[in-house]
Amino acid sequence: MNLLAAILVAYLIGSISFAVLVSRAFGLPDPHTYGSGNPGATNVLRAGKKAAAVLTLLGDAFKGWFAVMLVQQQVIAEPLAAGAAAVVVVLGHMYPVFHGFRGGKGVATSLGVLLALDPWLAAGATATWLIIAFFFRISSLSALVMAAFTPLFSFFLLGMGRFTLESAIGVTVISLLLAWRHRGNVRNLLAGTEARIGSGTPQN
């Protein structure tokens, strides 16, 4: 598999929407049609099926992990491949070709990507999300703080010789994409109107 093929495969894997597939399997409405309209685990949870939300979360994380691991196994001597696949699978989730380019915000898929790149990086990002969520109860704020800190973690690992520069750059690009996809939430946070976890109010 060459680099271009790896990028295409990663994008197509990312374009698979587990929110849509799981909702169909459970007989739930299309997640684009209710709540925030975001095809992700949080919105699926609003349909009242916790199992469906958990499966969506796991599926979105798995496809991020799988795309990067597949490329790492199939592309030989190409340090750019893992970093490129990491970015593109997240882009596929955010702008899926199979669903009219209407995708999710990419948090779960990004965590799957980080797990494939380095388990310690994934652990640091997850811990950051959980700490902010515990104290502030705002999912979008947790994602934004995670996005801010994860590049720092990746370059720390780079300095320890555990990471490649290409992957660290890929992680930085993913963090910028996460921030971009949460721009509406940033406006709500600044206005003091962002919903808290468990409030039942859709987060845009």
Protein backbone atom coordinates (compact mmCIF):
# COMPACT_ATOMS: atom_id res chain seq x y z
CA MET A 1 0.00 0.00 0.00
CA ASN A 2 1.52 3.34 -1.01
CA LEU A 3 0.95 6.65 0.74
CA LEU A 4 -1.89 7.84 -1.50
CA ALA A 5 -3.72 4.53 -1.12
CA ALA A 6 -3.24 4.71 2.64
CA ILE A 7 -4.75 8.20 2.76
CA LEU A 8 -7.76 7.10 0.69
CA VAL A 9 -8.35 4.00 2.82
CA ALA A 10 -8.08 6.03 6.03
CA TYR A 11 -10.59 8.57 4.76
CA LEU A 12 -13.10 5.90 3.74
CA ILE A 13 -12.77 4.17 7.12
CA GLY A 14 -13.32 7.50 8.85
CA SER A 15 -16.41 8.14 6.71
CA ILE A 16 -18.22 5.17 8.27
CA SER A 17 -20.67 6.69 10.74
CA PHE A 18 -21.23 4.37 13.67
CA ALA A 19 -23.86 6.76 15.03
CA VAL A 20 -25.96 6.13 11.92
CA LEU A 21 -25.27 2.38 11.75
CA VAL A 22 -25.93 1.76 15.43
CA SER A 23 -29.07 3.89 15.37
CA ARG A 24 -30.42 1.84 12.48
CA ALA A 25 -29.61 -1.39 14.29
CA PHE A 26 -31.48 -0.19 17.40
CA GLY A 27 -34.39 1.23 15.42
CA LEU A 28 -33.56 4.79 16.48
CA PRO A 29 -33.97 7.95 14.37
CA ASP A 30 -31.12 9.21 12.22
CA PRO A 31 -28.92 11.22 14.63
CA HIS A 32 -28.77 14.03 12.07
CA THR A 33 -32.48 14.68 12.66
CA TYR A 34 -32.68 15.42 16.41
CA GLY A 35 -30.83 17.07 19.27
CA SER A 36 -27.69 18.80 18.07
CA GLY A 37 -27.83 16.98 14.73
CA ASN A 38 -24.31 15.74 15.43
CA PRO A 39 -23.75 12.03 14.60
CA GLY A 40 -21.86 11.14 17.72
CA ALA A 41 -22.29 9.21 20.95
CA THR A 42 -23.57 12.20 22.95
CA ASN A 43 -26.40 12.83 20.51
CA VAL A 44 -27.28 9.14 20.22
CA LEU A 45 -27.61 9.09 24.00
CA ARG A 46 -30.43 11.65 23.68
CA ALA A 47 -32.48 8.99 21.89
CA GLY A 48 -32.66 7.15 25.21
CA LYS A 49 -30.48 4.12 24.50
CA LYS A 50 -27.30 4.06 26.58
CA ALA A 51 -26.13 0.85 24.89
CA ALA A 52 -26.41 2.51 21.48
CA ALA A 53 -24.39 5.51 22.68
CA VAL A 54 -21.66 3.26 24.13
CA LEU A 55 -21.45 1.24 20.91
CA THR A 56 -21.23 4.47 18.90
CA LEU A 57 -18.41 5.71 21.11
CA LEU A 58 -16.51 2.43 20.84
CA GLY A 59 -17.09 2.18 17.08
CA ASP A 60 -15.85 5.71 16.41
CA ALA A 61 -12.77 5.13 18.55
CA PHE A 62 -12.13 1.76 16.93
CA LYS A 63 -12.14 3.13 13.38
CA GLY A 64 -9.52 5.72 14.35
CA TRP A 65 -7.35 3.04 15.91
CA PHE A 66 -7.90 0.59 13.06
CA ALA A 67 -7.07 3.04 10.26
CA VAL A 68 -3.75 4.04 11.81
CA MET A 69 -2.80 0.47 12.75
CA LEU A 70 -3.66 -0.76 9.25
CA VAL A 71 -1.45 1.86 7.64
CA GLN A 72 1.37 1.20 10.08
CA GLN A 73 1.23 -2.49 9.19
CA GLN A 74 0.90 -2.08 5.43
CA VAL A 75 3.06 0.94 4.54
CA ILE A 76 6.75 0.13 4.76
CA ALA A 77 9.45 2.69 5.61
CA GLU A 78 7.11 5.67 5.30
CA PRO A 79 7.21 7.79 8.46
CA LEU A 80 4.70 10.22 6.99
CA ALA A 81 2.06 7.50 6.56
CA ALA A 82 0.94 7.15 10.18
CA GLY A 83 0.67 10.90 10.70
CA ALA A 84 -1.22 11.35 7.43
CA ALA A 85 -3.61 8.47 8.18
CA ALA A 86 -4.23 9.88 11.67
CA VAL A 87 -5.33 13.22 10.25
CA VAL A 88 -7.33 11.82 7.34
CA VAL A 89 -9.37 9.29 9.33
CA VAL A 90 -10.47 12.13 11.63
CA LEU A 91 -11.31 14.26 8.58
CA GLY A 92 -13.35 11.35 7.24
CA HIS A 93 -15.32 11.24 10.48
CA MET A 94 -15.92 14.98 10.42
CA TYR A 95 -16.74 15.17 6.70
CA PRO A 96 -17.90 11.67 5.65
CA VAL A 97 -18.43 11.04 1.96
CA PHE A 98 -21.10 8.43 2.76
CA HIS A 99 -23.28 10.89 4.67
CA GLY A 100 -23.24 14.10 2.69
CA PHE A 101 -20.10 15.33 4.48
CA ARG A 102 -22.16 15.84 7.67
CA GLY A 103 -20.10 14.20 10.38
CA GLY A 104 -19.24 14.38 14.04
CA LYS A 105 -16.76 16.45 15.97
CA GLY A 106 -14.11 13.76 16.11
CA VAL A 107 -13.29 13.37 19.80
CA ALA A 108 -13.77 9.59 20.05
CA THR A 109 -12.09 8.96 16.68
CA SER A 110 -9.16 11.14 17.74
CA LEU A 111 -8.75 9.13 20.95
CA GLY A 112 -8.66 5.93 18.88
CA VAL A 113 -5.99 7.48 16.69
CA LEU A 114 -3.92 8.46 19.73
CA LEU A 115 -4.18 4.93 21.10
CA ALA A 116 -2.74 3.55 17.86
CA LEU A 117 0.09 6.11 17.83
CA ASP A 118 1.05 5.69 21.49
CA PRO A 119 -0.99 4.32 24.44
CA TRP A 120 0.59 6.82 26.84
CA LEU A 121 -0.48 9.69 24.60
CA ALA A 122 -4.04 8.33 24.56
CA ALA A 123 -3.96 7.93 28.35
CA GLY A 124 -2.81 11.52 28.84
CA ALA A 125 -5.49 12.88 26.50
CA THR A 126 -8.22 10.78 28.13
CA ALA A 127 -7.13 11.83 31.62
CA THR A 128 -7.22 15.48 30.57
CA TRP A 129 -10.76 15.10 29.21
CA LEU A 130 -11.96 13.30 32.34
CA ILE A 131 -10.43 15.81 34.76
CA ILE A 132 -12.02 18.80 33.03
CA ALA A 133 -15.34 16.97 32.70
CA PHE A 134 -15.31 16.07 36.40
CA PHE A 135 -14.73 19.63 37.59
CA PHE A 136 -16.70 21.62 35.01
CA ARG A 137 -19.28 19.12 33.65
CA ILE A 138 -18.98 20.56 30.13
CA SER A 139 -18.14 18.09 27.35
CA SER A 140 -17.04 20.68 24.79
CA LEU A 141 -14.69 22.39 27.27
CA SER A 142 -13.15 19.01 28.06
CA ALA A 143 -12.57 18.39 24.35
CA LEU A 144 -11.04 21.82 23.80
CA VAL A 145 -8.65 21.52 26.76
CA MET A 146 -7.71 18.02 25.59
CA ALA A 147 -7.03 19.42 22.11
CA ALA A 148 -4.80 22.13 23.61
CA PHE A 149 -2.71 19.77 25.72
CA THR A 150 -2.37 16.75 23.41
CA PRO A 151 0.20 18.35 21.05
CA LEU A 152 2.30 19.22 24.09
CA PHE A 153 2.14 15.59 25.20
CA SER A 154 3.13 14.40 21.71
CA PHE A 155 6.18 16.66 21.50
CA PHE A 156 7.19 15.57 25.00
CA LEU A 157 7.13 11.96 23.75
CA LEU A 158 9.06 13.08 20.67
CA GLY A 159 11.78 14.42 22.93
CA MET A 160 11.92 11.06 24.70
CA GLY A 161 12.46 9.27 21.39
CA ARG A 162 9.08 7.50 21.59
CA PHE A 163 7.42 9.41 18.76
CA THR A 164 8.10 10.59 15.22
CA LEU A 165 7.99 14.22 14.13
CA GLU A 166 5.42 13.33 11.44
CA SER A 167 3.08 11.83 14.03
CA ALA A 168 3.53 14.81 16.37
CA ILE A 169 2.63 17.17 13.53
CA GLY A 170 -0.37 14.97 12.71
CA VAL A 171 -1.56 15.16 16.32
CA THR A 172 -1.22 18.95 16.22
CA VAL A 173 -3.31 19.15 13.05
CA ILE A 174 -5.98 16.91 14.63
CA SER A 175 -6.11 19.22 17.66
CA LEU A 176 -6.64 22.21 15.37
CA LEU A 177 -9.44 20.34 13.59
CA LEU A 178 -11.10 19.55 16.93
CA ALA A 179 -10.93 23.22 17.90
CA TRP A 180 -12.43 24.22 14.54
CA ARG A 181 -15.31 21.75 14.86
CA HIS A 182 -16.05 23.10 18.35
CA ARG A 183 -16.08 26.77 17.29
CA GLY A 184 -19.83 27.03 17.96
CA ASN A 185 -19.26 25.65 21.43
CA VAL A 186 -16.55 28.26 22.00
CA ARG A 187 -19.09 30.99 21.30
CA ASN A 188 -21.51 29.39 23.75
CA LEU A 189 -18.78 29.06 26.38
CA LEU A 190 -17.88 32.72 26.07
CA ALA A 191 -21.56 33.65 26.32
CA GLY A 192 -22.08 31.36 29.32
CA THR A 193 -24.79 29.37 27.55
CA GLU A 194 -23.02 26.08 26.93
CA ALA A 195 -24.91 23.06 28.23
CA ARG A 196 -23.49 20.92 31.01
CA ILE A 197 -23.18 17.16 30.95
CA GLY A 198 -26.46 15.58 32.02
CA SER A 199 -28.52 18.72 31.45
CA GLY A 200 -30.27 17.20 28.42
CA THR A 201 -29.74 20.39 26.42
CA PRO A 202 -28.22 19.82 22.96
CA GLN A 203 -24.64 20.97 22.57
CA ASN A 204 -24.11 22.36 19.07
